[in-house]
Amino acid sequence: MLGLMINHTEQKELEYIIKRELDEIIFDLEDNRIDHMVKSAMKERYKVLFQLLRRVAGEKECMRYIPKKTKNE
């Protein structure tokens, strides 16, 4: 377990960066031209980023990014 001390401004910046990454992944997952293997890796990255978001953002902010279940999950 690691600890991290950041101020409020840094916390907001981390939140912003993580949200942008999550938005990009969501956008790319809807692209039919991207290979299934690549999408699997993107989903794993999404899970990690979402866990980070939960640590720096409030519950209300995280609700928008809760991963959706797919047919084969």
PDB file of N, CA and C in Angstrom:
ATOM      1  N   MET A   1       0.857  -1.176   0.000  1.00  0.00           N
ATOM      2  CA  MET A   1       0.000   0.000   0.000  1.00  0.00           C
ATOM      3  C   MET A   1       0.895   1.229   0.000  1.00  0.00           C
ATOM      4  N   LEU A   2       0.579   2.160  -0.856  1.00  0.00           N
ATOM      5  CA  LEU A   2       1.325   3.409  -0.953  1.00  0.00           C
ATOM      6  C   LEU A   2       0.429   4.570  -0.556  1.00  0.00           C
ATOM      7  N   GLY A   3       1.034   5.610  -0.037  1.00  0.00           N
ATOM      8  CA  GLY A   3       0.293   6.807   0.327  1.00  0.00           C
ATOM      9  C   GLY A   3       0.730   7.961  -0.566  1.00  0.00           C
ATOM     10  N   LEU A   4      -0.112   8.961  -0.684  1.00  0.00           N
ATOM     11  CA  LEU A   4       0.189  10.101  -1.528  1.00  0.00           C
ATOM     12  C   LEU A   4      -0.425  11.339  -0.887  1.00  0.00           C
ATOM     13  N   MET A   5       0.408  12.330  -0.652  1.00  0.00           N
ATOM     14  CA  MET A   5      -0.108  13.585  -0.095  1.00  0.00           C
ATOM     15  C   MET A   5      -0.156  14.623  -1.211  1.00  0.00           C
ATOM     16  N   ILE A   6      -1.352  15.125  -1.475  1.00  0.00           N
ATOM     17  CA  ILE A   6      -1.531  16.136  -2.510  1.00  0.00           C
ATOM     18  C   ILE A   6      -2.434  17.228  -1.964  1.00  0.00           C
ATOM     19  N   ASN A   7      -2.321  18.427  -2.548  1.00  0.00           N
ATOM     20  CA  ASN A   7      -3.211  19.500  -2.123  1.00  0.00           C
ATOM     21  C   ASN A   7      -4.490  19.478  -2.962  1.00  0.00           C
ATOM     22  N   HIS A   8      -5.395  20.365  -2.660  1.00  0.00           N
ATOM     23  CA  HIS A   8      -6.713  20.373  -3.314  1.00  0.00           C
ATOM     24  C   HIS A   8      -6.593  20.611  -4.825  1.00  0.00           C
ATOM     25  N   THR A   9      -5.708  21.504  -5.218  1.00  0.00           N
ATOM     26  CA  THR A   9      -5.518  21.803  -6.640  1.00  0.00           C
ATOM     27  C   THR A   9      -5.004  20.576  -7.383  1.00  0.00           C
ATOM     28  N   GLU A  10      -4.054  19.888  -6.797  1.00  0.00           N
ATOM     29  CA  GLU A  10      -3.516  18.686  -7.424  1.00  0.00           C
ATOM     30  C   GLU A  10      -4.573  17.587  -7.499  1.00  0.00           C
ATOM     31  N   GLN A  11      -5.402  17.502  -6.488  1.00  0.00           N
ATOM     32  CA  GLN A  11      -6.479  16.507  -6.484  1.00  0.00           C
ATOM     33  C   GLN A  11      -7.460  16.773  -7.620  1.00  0.00           C
ATOM     34  N   LYS A  12      -7.814  18.027  -7.817  1.00  0.00           N
ATOM     35  CA  LYS A  12      -8.733  18.387  -8.902  1.00  0.00           C
ATOM     36  C   LYS A  12      -8.094  18.118 -10.267  1.00  0.00           C
ATOM     37  N   GLU A  13      -6.789  18.364 -10.387  1.00  0.00           N
ATOM     38  CA  GLU A  13      -6.090  18.107 -11.643  1.00  0.00           C
ATOM     39  C   GLU A  13      -6.055  16.609 -11.948  1.00  0.00           C
ATOM     40  N   LEU A  14      -5.775  15.785 -10.941  1.00  0.00           N
ATOM     41  CA  LEU A  14      -5.800  14.332 -11.124  1.00  0.00           C
ATOM     42  C   LEU A  14      -7.187  13.863 -11.549  1.00  0.00           C
ATOM     43  N   GLU A  15      -8.193  14.390 -10.893  1.00  0.00           N
ATOM     44  CA  GLU A  15      -9.577  14.038 -11.228  1.00  0.00           C
ATOM     45  C   GLU A  15      -9.871  14.380 -12.689  1.00  0.00           C
ATOM     46  N   TYR A  16      -9.464  15.563 -13.114  1.00  0.00           N
ATOM     47  CA  TYR A  16      -9.691  16.003 -14.490  1.00  0.00           C
ATOM     48  C   TYR A  16      -8.983  15.098 -15.494  1.00  0.00           C
ATOM     49  N   ILE A  17      -7.729  14.784 -15.237  1.00  0.00           N
ATOM     50  CA  ILE A  17      -6.940  13.949 -16.155  1.00  0.00           C
ATOM     51  C   ILE A  17      -7.541  12.550 -16.261  1.00  0.00           C
ATOM     52  N   ILE A  18      -7.927  11.977 -15.138  1.00  0.00           N
ATOM     53  CA  ILE A  18      -8.503  10.633 -15.142  1.00  0.00           C
ATOM     54  C   ILE A  18      -9.830  10.634 -15.901  1.00  0.00           C
ATOM     55  N   LYS A  19     -10.647  11.643 -15.692  1.00  0.00           N
ATOM     56  CA  LYS A  19     -11.924  11.725 -16.401  1.00  0.00           C
ATOM     57  C   LYS A  19     -11.717  11.826 -17.907  1.00  0.00           C
ATOM     58  N   ARG A  20     -10.734  12.615 -18.330  1.00  0.00           N
ATOM     59  CA  ARG A  20     -10.450  12.728 -19.768  1.00  0.00           C
ATOM     60  C   ARG A  20     -10.039  11.388 -20.345  1.00  0.00           C
ATOM     61  N   GLU A  21      -9.203  10.652 -19.637  1.00  0.00           N
ATOM     62  CA  GLU A  21      -8.776   9.334 -20.102  1.00  0.00           C
ATOM     63  C   GLU A  21      -9.962   8.381 -20.198  1.00  0.00           C
ATOM     64  N   LEU A  22     -10.826   8.401 -19.177  1.00  0.00           N
ATOM     65  CA  LEU A  22     -12.001   7.534 -19.185  1.00  0.00           C
ATOM     66  C   LEU A  22     -12.930   7.891 -20.348  1.00  0.00           C
ATOM     67  N   ASP A  23     -13.110   9.178 -20.607  1.00  0.00           N
ATOM     68  CA  ASP A  23     -13.951   9.611 -21.728  1.00  0.00           C
ATOM     69  C   ASP A  23     -13.381   9.131 -23.058  1.00  0.00           C
ATOM     70  N   GLU A  24     -12.071   9.201 -23.208  1.00  0.00           N
ATOM     71  CA  GLU A  24     -11.443   8.727 -24.441  1.00  0.00           C
ATOM     72  C   GLU A  24     -11.643   7.222 -24.622  1.00  0.00           C
ATOM     73  N   ILE A  25     -11.509   6.472 -23.550  1.00  0.00           N
ATOM     74  CA  ILE A  25     -11.703   5.020 -23.639  1.00  0.00           C
ATOM     75  C   ILE A  25     -13.142   4.705 -23.997  1.00  0.00           C
ATOM     76  N   ILE A  26     -14.089   5.380 -23.367  1.00  0.00           N
ATOM     77  CA  ILE A  26     -15.505   5.166 -23.670  1.00  0.00           C
ATOM     78  C   ILE A  26     -15.762   5.431 -25.154  1.00  0.00           C
ATOM     79  N   PHE A  27     -15.206   6.524 -25.663  1.00  0.00           N
ATOM     80  CA  PHE A  27     -15.375   6.870 -27.075  1.00  0.00           C
ATOM     81  C   PHE A  27     -14.774   5.790 -27.973  1.00  0.00           C
ATOM     82  N   ASP A  28     -13.561   5.338 -27.647  1.00  0.00           N
ATOM     83  CA  ASP A  28     -12.880   4.338 -28.470  1.00  0.00           C
ATOM     84  C   ASP A  28     -13.553   2.968 -28.404  1.00  0.00           C
ATOM     85  N   LEU A  29     -14.154   2.625 -27.289  1.00  0.00           N
ATOM     86  CA  LEU A  29     -14.825   1.331 -27.182  1.00  0.00           C
ATOM     87  C   LEU A  29     -16.030   1.228 -28.113  1.00  0.00           C
ATOM     88  N   GLU A  30     -16.594   2.359 -28.486  1.00  0.00           N
ATOM     89  CA  GLU A  30     -17.739   2.364 -29.397  1.00  0.00           C
ATOM     90  C   GLU A  30     -17.331   2.271 -30.857  1.00  0.00           C
ATOM     91  N   ASP A  31     -16.027   2.362 -31.132  1.00  0.00           N
ATOM     92  CA  ASP A  31     -15.518   2.315 -32.505  1.00  0.00           C
ATOM     93  C   ASP A  31     -15.421   0.862 -32.968  1.00  0.00           C
ATOM     94  N   ASN A  32     -16.147   0.514 -34.019  1.00  0.00           N
ATOM     95  CA  ASN A  32     -16.176  -0.854 -34.529  1.00  0.00           C
ATOM     96  C   ASN A  32     -14.890  -1.263 -35.238  1.00  0.00           C
ATOM     97  N   ARG A  33     -14.055  -0.309 -35.608  1.00  0.00           N
ATOM     98  CA  ARG A  33     -12.818  -0.615 -36.326  1.00  0.00           C
ATOM     99  C   ARG A  33     -11.717  -1.140 -35.407  1.00  0.00           C
ATOM    100  N   ILE A  34     -11.895  -0.974 -34.105  1.00  0.00           N
ATOM    101  CA  ILE A  34     -10.860  -1.402 -33.162  1.00  0.00           C
ATOM    102  C   ILE A  34     -11.016  -2.886 -32.860  1.00  0.00           C
ATOM    103  N   ASP A  35      -9.911  -3.598 -32.902  1.00  0.00           N
ATOM    104  CA  ASP A  35      -9.859  -5.042 -32.692  1.00  0.00           C
ATOM    105  C   ASP A  35     -10.343  -5.425 -31.289  1.00  0.00           C
ATOM    106  N   HIS A  36     -10.930  -6.612 -31.188  1.00  0.00           N
ATOM    107  CA  HIS A  36     -11.456  -7.115 -29.922  1.00  0.00           C
ATOM    108  C   HIS A  36     -10.373  -7.226 -28.839  1.00  0.00           C
ATOM    109  N   MET A  37      -9.176  -7.665 -29.239  1.00  0.00           N
ATOM    110  CA  MET A  37      -8.073  -7.796 -28.277  1.00  0.00           C
ATOM    111  C   MET A  37      -7.681  -6.437 -27.701  1.00  0.00           C
ATOM    112  N   VAL A  38      -7.667  -5.441 -28.551  1.00  0.00           N
ATOM    113  CA  VAL A  38      -7.325  -4.090 -28.111  1.00  0.00           C
ATOM    114  C   VAL A  38      -8.404  -3.569 -27.170  1.00  0.00           C
ATOM    115  N   LYS A  39      -9.651  -3.841 -27.502  1.00  0.00           N
ATOM    116  CA  LYS A  39     -10.755  -3.401 -26.642  1.00  0.00           C
ATOM    117  C   LYS A  39     -10.687  -4.066 -25.270  1.00  0.00           C
ATOM    118  N   SER A  40     -10.254  -5.319 -25.224  1.00  0.00           N
ATOM    119  CA  SER A  40     -10.106  -6.006 -23.937  1.00  0.00           C
ATOM    120  C   SER A  40      -9.069  -5.299 -23.066  1.00  0.00           C
ATOM    121  N   ALA A  41      -7.965  -4.918 -23.678  1.00  0.00           N
ATOM    122  CA  ALA A  41      -6.923  -4.191 -22.944  1.00  0.00           C
ATOM    123  C   ALA A  41      -7.440  -2.825 -22.491  1.00  0.00           C
ATOM    124  N   MET A  42      -8.229  -2.198 -23.341  1.00  0.00           N
ATOM    125  CA  MET A  42      -8.795  -0.899 -22.985  1.00  0.00           C
ATOM    126  C   MET A  42      -9.756  -1.019 -21.806  1.00  0.00           C
ATOM    127  N   LYS A  43     -10.523  -2.102 -21.762  1.00  0.00           N
ATOM    128  CA  LYS A  43     -11.445  -2.325 -20.643  1.00  0.00           C
ATOM    129  C   LYS A  43     -10.681  -2.522 -19.340  1.00  0.00           C
ATOM    130  N   GLU A  44      -9.566  -3.226 -19.396  1.00  0.00           N
ATOM    131  CA  GLU A  44      -8.738  -3.415 -18.199  1.00  0.00           C
ATOM    132  C   GLU A  44      -8.187  -2.074 -17.721  1.00  0.00           C
ATOM    133  N   ARG A  45      -7.718  -1.268 -18.656  1.00  0.00           N
ATOM    134  CA  ARG A  45      -7.209   0.065 -18.310  1.00  0.00           C
ATOM    135  C   ARG A  45      -8.322   0.919 -17.709  1.00  0.00           C
ATOM    136  N   TYR A  46      -9.526   0.805 -18.258  1.00  0.00           N
ATOM    137  CA  TYR A  46     -10.675   1.546 -17.745  1.00  0.00           C
ATOM    138  C   TYR A  46     -10.929   1.190 -16.284  1.00  0.00           C
ATOM    139  N   LYS A  47     -10.854  -0.098 -15.961  1.00  0.00           N
ATOM    140  CA  LYS A  47     -11.088  -0.537 -14.586  1.00  0.00           C
ATOM    141  C   LYS A  47     -10.078   0.071 -13.627  1.00  0.00           C
ATOM    142  N   VAL A  48      -8.814   0.084 -14.034  1.00  0.00           N
ATOM    143  CA  VAL A  48      -7.762   0.655 -13.186  1.00  0.00           C
ATOM    144  C   VAL A  48      -7.980   2.156 -12.998  1.00  0.00           C
ATOM    145  N   LEU A  49      -8.270   2.850 -14.092  1.00  0.00           N
ATOM    146  CA  LEU A  49      -8.496   4.295 -14.012  1.00  0.00           C
ATOM    147  C   LEU A  49      -9.737   4.618 -13.180  1.00  0.00           C
ATOM    148  N   PHE A  50     -10.756   3.794 -13.291  1.00  0.00           N
ATOM    149  CA  PHE A  50     -11.960   4.026 -12.499  1.00  0.00           C
ATOM    150  C   PHE A  50     -11.663   3.881 -11.004  1.00  0.00           C
ATOM    151  N   GLN A  51     -10.853   2.904 -10.648  1.00  0.00           N
ATOM    152  CA  GLN A  51     -10.465   2.734  -9.245  1.00  0.00           C
ATOM    153  C   GLN A  51      -9.699   3.962  -8.747  1.00  0.00           C
ATOM    154  N   LEU A  52      -8.836   4.514  -9.591  1.00  0.00           N
ATOM    155  CA  LEU A  52      -8.120   5.738  -9.223  1.00  0.00           C
ATOM    156  C   LEU A  52      -9.085   6.905  -9.056  1.00  0.00           C
ATOM    157  N   LEU A  53     -10.045   7.005  -9.959  1.00  0.00           N
ATOM    158  CA  LEU A  53     -11.032   8.083  -9.870  1.00  0.00           C
ATOM    159  C   LEU A  53     -11.803   7.999  -8.557  1.00  0.00           C
ATOM    160  N   ARG A  54     -12.153   6.795  -8.155  1.00  0.00           N
ATOM    161  CA  ARG A  54     -12.890   6.621  -6.897  1.00  0.00           C
ATOM    162  C   ARG A  54     -12.111   7.146  -5.698  1.00  0.00           C
ATOM    163  N   ARG A  55     -10.785   7.143  -5.807  1.00  0.00           N
ATOM    164  CA  ARG A  55      -9.947   7.614  -4.696  1.00  0.00           C
ATOM    165  C   ARG A  55      -9.818   9.129  -4.647  1.00  0.00           C
ATOM    166  N   VAL A  56      -9.955   9.798  -5.798  1.00  0.00           N
ATOM    167  CA  VAL A  56      -9.742  11.251  -5.805  1.00  0.00           C
ATOM    168  C   VAL A  56     -11.013  12.062  -6.023  1.00  0.00           C
ATOM    169  N   ALA A  57     -12.087  11.437  -6.478  1.00  0.00           N
ATOM    170  CA  ALA A  57     -13.322  12.171  -6.775  1.00  0.00           C
ATOM    171  C   ALA A  57     -14.433  11.754  -5.815  1.00  0.00           C
ATOM    172  N   GLY A  58     -15.438  12.588  -5.742  1.00  0.00           N
ATOM    173  CA  GLY A  58     -16.588  12.290  -4.918  1.00  0.00           C
ATOM    174  C   GLY A  58     -17.502  11.266  -5.580  1.00  0.00           C
ATOM    175  N   GLU A  59     -18.427  10.758  -4.777  1.00  0.00           N
ATOM    176  CA  GLU A  59     -19.354   9.728  -5.262  1.00  0.00           C
ATOM    177  C   GLU A  59     -20.164  10.224  -6.458  1.00  0.00           C
ATOM    178  N   LYS A  60     -20.610  11.448  -6.381  1.00  0.00           N
ATOM    179  CA  LYS A  60     -21.432  12.019  -7.441  1.00  0.00           C
ATOM    180  C   LYS A  60     -20.673  12.073  -8.773  1.00  0.00           C
ATOM    181  N   GLU A  61     -19.394  12.424  -8.717  1.00  0.00           N
ATOM    182  CA  GLU A  61     -18.566  12.495  -9.915  1.00  0.00           C
ATOM    183  C   GLU A  61     -18.321  11.115 -10.511  1.00  0.00           C
ATOM    184  N   CYS A  62     -18.236  10.097  -9.660  1.00  0.00           N
ATOM    185  CA  CYS A  62     -17.923   8.738 -10.120  1.00  0.00           C
ATOM    186  C   CYS A  62     -19.124   8.045 -10.760  1.00  0.00           C
ATOM    187  N   MET A  63     -20.317   8.455 -10.416  1.00  0.00           N
ATOM    188  CA  MET A  63     -21.523   7.783 -10.903  1.00  0.00           C
ATOM    189  C   MET A  63     -21.566   7.726 -12.431  1.00  0.00           C
ATOM    190  N   ARG A  64     -21.102   8.765 -13.082  1.00  0.00           N
ATOM    191  CA  ARG A  64     -21.135   8.826 -14.554  1.00  0.00           C
ATOM    192  C   ARG A  64     -20.221   7.785 -15.192  1.00  0.00           C
ATOM    193  N   TYR A  65     -19.187   7.381 -14.478  1.00  0.00           N
ATOM    194  CA  TYR A  65     -18.174   6.506 -15.061  1.00  0.00           C
ATOM    195  C   TYR A  65     -18.255   5.058 -14.581  1.00  0.00           C
ATOM    196  N   ILE A  66     -19.314   4.694 -13.887  1.00  0.00           N
ATOM    197  CA  ILE A  66     -19.447   3.315 -13.435  1.00  0.00           C
ATOM    198  C   ILE A  66     -19.470   2.404 -14.660  1.00  0.00           C
ATOM    199  N   PRO A  67     -18.591   1.399 -14.689  1.00  0.00           N
ATOM    200  CA  PRO A  67     -18.538   0.513 -15.872  1.00  0.00           C
ATOM    201  C   PRO A  67     -19.862  -0.201 -16.084  1.00  0.00           C
ATOM    202  N   LYS A  68     -20.273  -0.259 -17.334  1.00  0.00           N
ATOM    203  CA  LYS A  68     -21.527  -0.924 -17.690  1.00  0.00           C
ATOM    204  C   LYS A  68     -21.237  -2.382 -17.999  1.00  0.00           C
ATOM    205  N   LYS A  69     -22.155  -3.246 -17.616  1.00  0.00           N
ATOM    206  CA  LYS A  69     -22.024  -4.674 -17.905  1.00  0.00           C
ATOM    207  C   LYS A  69     -22.330  -4.926 -19.378  1.00  0.00           C
ATOM    208  N   THR A  70     -21.586  -5.827 -19.985  1.00  0.00           N
ATOM    209  CA  THR A  70     -21.861  -6.203 -21.371  1.00  0.00           C
ATOM    210  C   THR A  70     -22.531  -7.572 -21.382  1.00  0.00           C
ATOM    211  N   LYS A  71     -22.935  -8.028 -22.536  1.00  0.00           N
ATOM    212  CA  LYS A  71     -23.648  -9.296 -22.668  1.00  0.00           C
ATOM    213  C   LYS A  71     -22.856 -10.472 -22.133  1.00  0.00           C
ATOM    214  N   ASN A  72     -21.552 -10.496 -22.381  1.00  0.00           N
ATOM    215  CA  ASN A  72     -20.762 -11.662 -21.986  1.00  0.00           C
ATOM    216  C   ASN A  72     -20.024 -11.466 -20.660  1.00  0.00           C
ATOM    217  N   GLU A  73     -20.468 -10.551 -19.818  1.00  0.00           N
ATOM    218  CA  GLU A  73     -19.864 -10.414 -18.489  1.00  0.00           C
ATOM    219  C   GLU A  73     -20.785 -10.982 -17.452  1.00  0.00           C
TER     220      GLU A  73
END
